[in-house]
Amino acid sequence: MPDRARRPMLADSAPSEDRLTEYDQAHLPEYLRLLDADRDAAPWTEVVHIVLGIDPRNEPERARRAYDSHLARARWIADHGYHDILRRS
């Protein structure tokens, strides 16, 4: 996971505001990777380890919470939040 080291730190749960946040902007690549993995039906345990950098064997509850939260946020961005991105462009 060498590219994870250069990315901003991920929180245990994604934002829940009804607008795009700075956190969301900083983690758009992770959100896109989560959506791709979900579309491909990749096992969540692999995705959370690779994309979010959390080992589900060592921290199963934290891993599941972070995965669910960030995937839900990624879906929100895909459905609604992208409008903010377009307005800023």
C-alpha atoms as a PDB file:
ATOM      1  CA  MET A   1       0.000   0.000   0.000  1.00  0.00           C
ATOM      2  CA  PRO A   2       2.680   2.538  -0.813  1.00  0.00           C
ATOM      3  CA  ASP A   3       0.307   5.159  -2.228  1.00  0.00           C
ATOM      4  CA  ARG A   4      -1.750   5.132   1.018  1.00  0.00           C
ATOM      5  CA  ALA A   5       1.194   6.671   2.838  1.00  0.00           C
ATOM      6  CA  ARG A   6       0.983   9.800   0.674  1.00  0.00           C
ATOM      7  CA  ARG A   7      -2.781  10.263   1.108  1.00  0.00           C
ATOM      8  CA  PRO A   8      -4.410  12.278   3.912  1.00  0.00           C
ATOM      9  CA  MET A   9      -5.343  10.239   6.962  1.00  0.00           C
ATOM     10  CA  LEU A  10      -8.722   8.535   6.774  1.00  0.00           C
ATOM     11  CA  ALA A  11     -11.204   8.938   9.604  1.00  0.00           C
ATOM     12  CA  ASP A  12     -13.034   5.965  11.081  1.00  0.00           C
ATOM     13  CA  SER A  13     -16.255   7.358   9.657  1.00  0.00           C
ATOM     14  CA  ALA A  14     -16.931   9.544   6.651  1.00  0.00           C
ATOM     15  CA  PRO A  15     -18.690  12.911   6.900  1.00  0.00           C
ATOM     16  CA  SER A  16     -22.472  12.993   6.868  1.00  0.00           C
ATOM     17  CA  GLU A  17     -23.075  16.621   5.855  1.00  0.00           C
ATOM     18  CA  ASP A  18     -25.383  17.284   2.922  1.00  0.00           C
ATOM     19  CA  ARG A  19     -22.577  19.071   1.114  1.00  0.00           C
ATOM     20  CA  LEU A  20     -19.137  18.056  -0.090  1.00  0.00           C
ATOM     21  CA  THR A  21     -16.512  18.631   2.602  1.00  0.00           C
ATOM     22  CA  GLU A  22     -12.763  19.199   2.470  1.00  0.00           C
ATOM     23  CA  TYR A  23     -12.414  15.639   3.757  1.00  0.00           C
ATOM     24  CA  ASP A  24     -14.468  14.385   0.812  1.00  0.00           C
ATOM     25  CA  GLN A  25     -12.367  16.382  -1.647  1.00  0.00           C
ATOM     26  CA  ALA A  26      -9.176  14.957  -0.174  1.00  0.00           C
ATOM     27  CA  HIS A  27     -10.478  11.389  -0.384  1.00  0.00           C
ATOM     28  CA  LEU A  28     -12.178  11.320  -3.779  1.00  0.00           C
ATOM     29  CA  PRO A  29      -9.728   8.664  -5.043  1.00  0.00           C
ATOM     30  CA  GLU A  30     -10.667   6.353  -2.171  1.00  0.00           C
ATOM     31  CA  TYR A  31     -14.372   6.927  -2.770  1.00  0.00           C
ATOM     32  CA  LEU A  32     -13.952   6.041  -6.444  1.00  0.00           C
ATOM     33  CA  ARG A  33     -12.004   2.912  -5.578  1.00  0.00           C
ATOM     34  CA  LEU A  34     -14.731   1.884  -3.130  1.00  0.00           C
ATOM     35  CA  LEU A  35     -17.401   2.330  -5.800  1.00  0.00           C
ATOM     36  CA  ASP A  36     -15.373   0.313  -8.311  1.00  0.00           C
ATOM     37  CA  ALA A  37     -14.797  -2.470  -5.806  1.00  0.00           C
ATOM     38  CA  ASP A  38     -18.477  -2.509  -4.875  1.00  0.00           C
ATOM     39  CA  ARG A  39     -19.481  -2.706  -8.529  1.00  0.00           C
ATOM     40  CA  ASP A  40     -17.079  -5.625  -8.975  1.00  0.00           C
ATOM     41  CA  ALA A  41     -18.447  -7.340  -5.835  1.00  0.00           C
ATOM     42  CA  ALA A  42     -14.982  -7.442  -4.268  1.00  0.00           C
ATOM     43  CA  PRO A  43     -14.900  -8.827  -0.714  1.00  0.00           C
ATOM     44  CA  TRP A  44     -15.268  -5.948   1.736  1.00  0.00           C
ATOM     45  CA  THR A  45     -12.412  -7.323   3.858  1.00  0.00           C
ATOM     46  CA  GLU A  46      -9.966  -6.967   0.975  1.00  0.00           C
ATOM     47  CA  VAL A  47     -11.298  -3.547   0.018  1.00  0.00           C
ATOM     48  CA  VAL A  48     -11.079  -2.095   3.518  1.00  0.00           C
ATOM     49  CA  HIS A  49      -7.519  -3.357   3.849  1.00  0.00           C
ATOM     50  CA  ILE A  50      -6.338  -2.108   0.460  1.00  0.00           C
ATOM     51  CA  VAL A  51      -8.304   1.133   0.111  1.00  0.00           C
ATOM     52  CA  LEU A  52      -8.795   2.301   3.693  1.00  0.00           C
ATOM     53  CA  GLY A  53      -5.671   0.735   5.170  1.00  0.00           C
ATOM     54  CA  ILE A  54      -7.441  -1.050   8.030  1.00  0.00           C
ATOM     55  CA  ASP A  55      -6.726  -4.708   8.750  1.00  0.00           C
ATOM     56  CA  PRO A  56     -10.116  -6.362   9.333  1.00  0.00           C
ATOM     57  CA  ARG A  57      -8.494  -9.319  11.099  1.00  0.00           C
ATOM     58  CA  ASN A  58      -6.985  -7.077  13.775  1.00  0.00           C
ATOM     59  CA  GLU A  59      -9.803  -4.502  14.000  1.00  0.00           C
ATOM     60  CA  PRO A  60     -12.974  -6.117  12.621  1.00  0.00           C
ATOM     61  CA  GLU A  61     -15.508  -3.703  14.125  1.00  0.00           C
ATOM     62  CA  ARG A  62     -13.563  -0.582  13.188  1.00  0.00           C
ATOM     63  CA  ALA A  63     -12.943  -1.958   9.707  1.00  0.00           C
ATOM     64  CA  ARG A  64     -16.615  -2.704   9.103  1.00  0.00           C
ATOM     65  CA  ARG A  65     -17.743   0.702  10.407  1.00  0.00           C
ATOM     66  CA  ALA A  66     -15.192   2.541   8.282  1.00  0.00           C
ATOM     67  CA  TYR A  67     -16.023   0.509   5.192  1.00  0.00           C
ATOM     68  CA  ASP A  68     -19.787   0.965   5.536  1.00  0.00           C
ATOM     69  CA  SER A  69     -19.466   4.667   6.302  1.00  0.00           C
ATOM     70  CA  HIS A  70     -17.106   5.461   3.437  1.00  0.00           C
ATOM     71  CA  LEU A  71     -19.026   3.357   0.917  1.00  0.00           C
ATOM     72  CA  ALA A  72     -22.268   5.088   1.886  1.00  0.00           C
ATOM     73  CA  ARG A  73     -20.546   8.460   1.464  1.00  0.00           C
ATOM     74  CA  ALA A  74     -19.123   7.400  -1.901  1.00  0.00           C
ATOM     75  CA  ARG A  75     -22.634   6.491  -3.045  1.00  0.00           C
ATOM     76  CA  TRP A  76     -23.975   9.839  -1.803  1.00  0.00           C
ATOM     77  CA  ILE A  77     -21.270  11.683  -3.730  1.00  0.00           C
ATOM     78  CA  ALA A  78     -22.052   9.681  -6.870  1.00  0.00           C
ATOM     79  CA  ASP A  79     -25.758  10.453  -6.542  1.00  0.00           C
ATOM     80  CA  HIS A  80     -25.747  14.002  -5.123  1.00  0.00           C
ATOM     81  CA  GLY A  81     -22.386  15.425  -4.085  1.00  0.00           C
ATOM     82  CA  TYR A  82     -20.891  15.561  -7.545  1.00  0.00           C
ATOM     83  CA  HIS A  83     -22.944  18.726  -8.145  1.00  0.00           C
ATOM     84  CA  ASP A  84     -20.614  20.530  -5.726  1.00  0.00           C
ATOM     85  CA  ILE A  85     -17.605  19.294  -7.689  1.00  0.00           C
ATOM     86  CA  LEU A  86     -19.072  20.565 -10.957  1.00  0.00           C
ATOM     87  CA  ARG A  87     -19.884  23.957  -9.459  1.00  0.00           C
ATOM     88  CA  ARG A  88     -16.293  24.355  -8.261  1.00  0.00           C
ATOM     89  CA  SER A  89     -14.814  23.491 -11.660  1.00  0.00           C
END
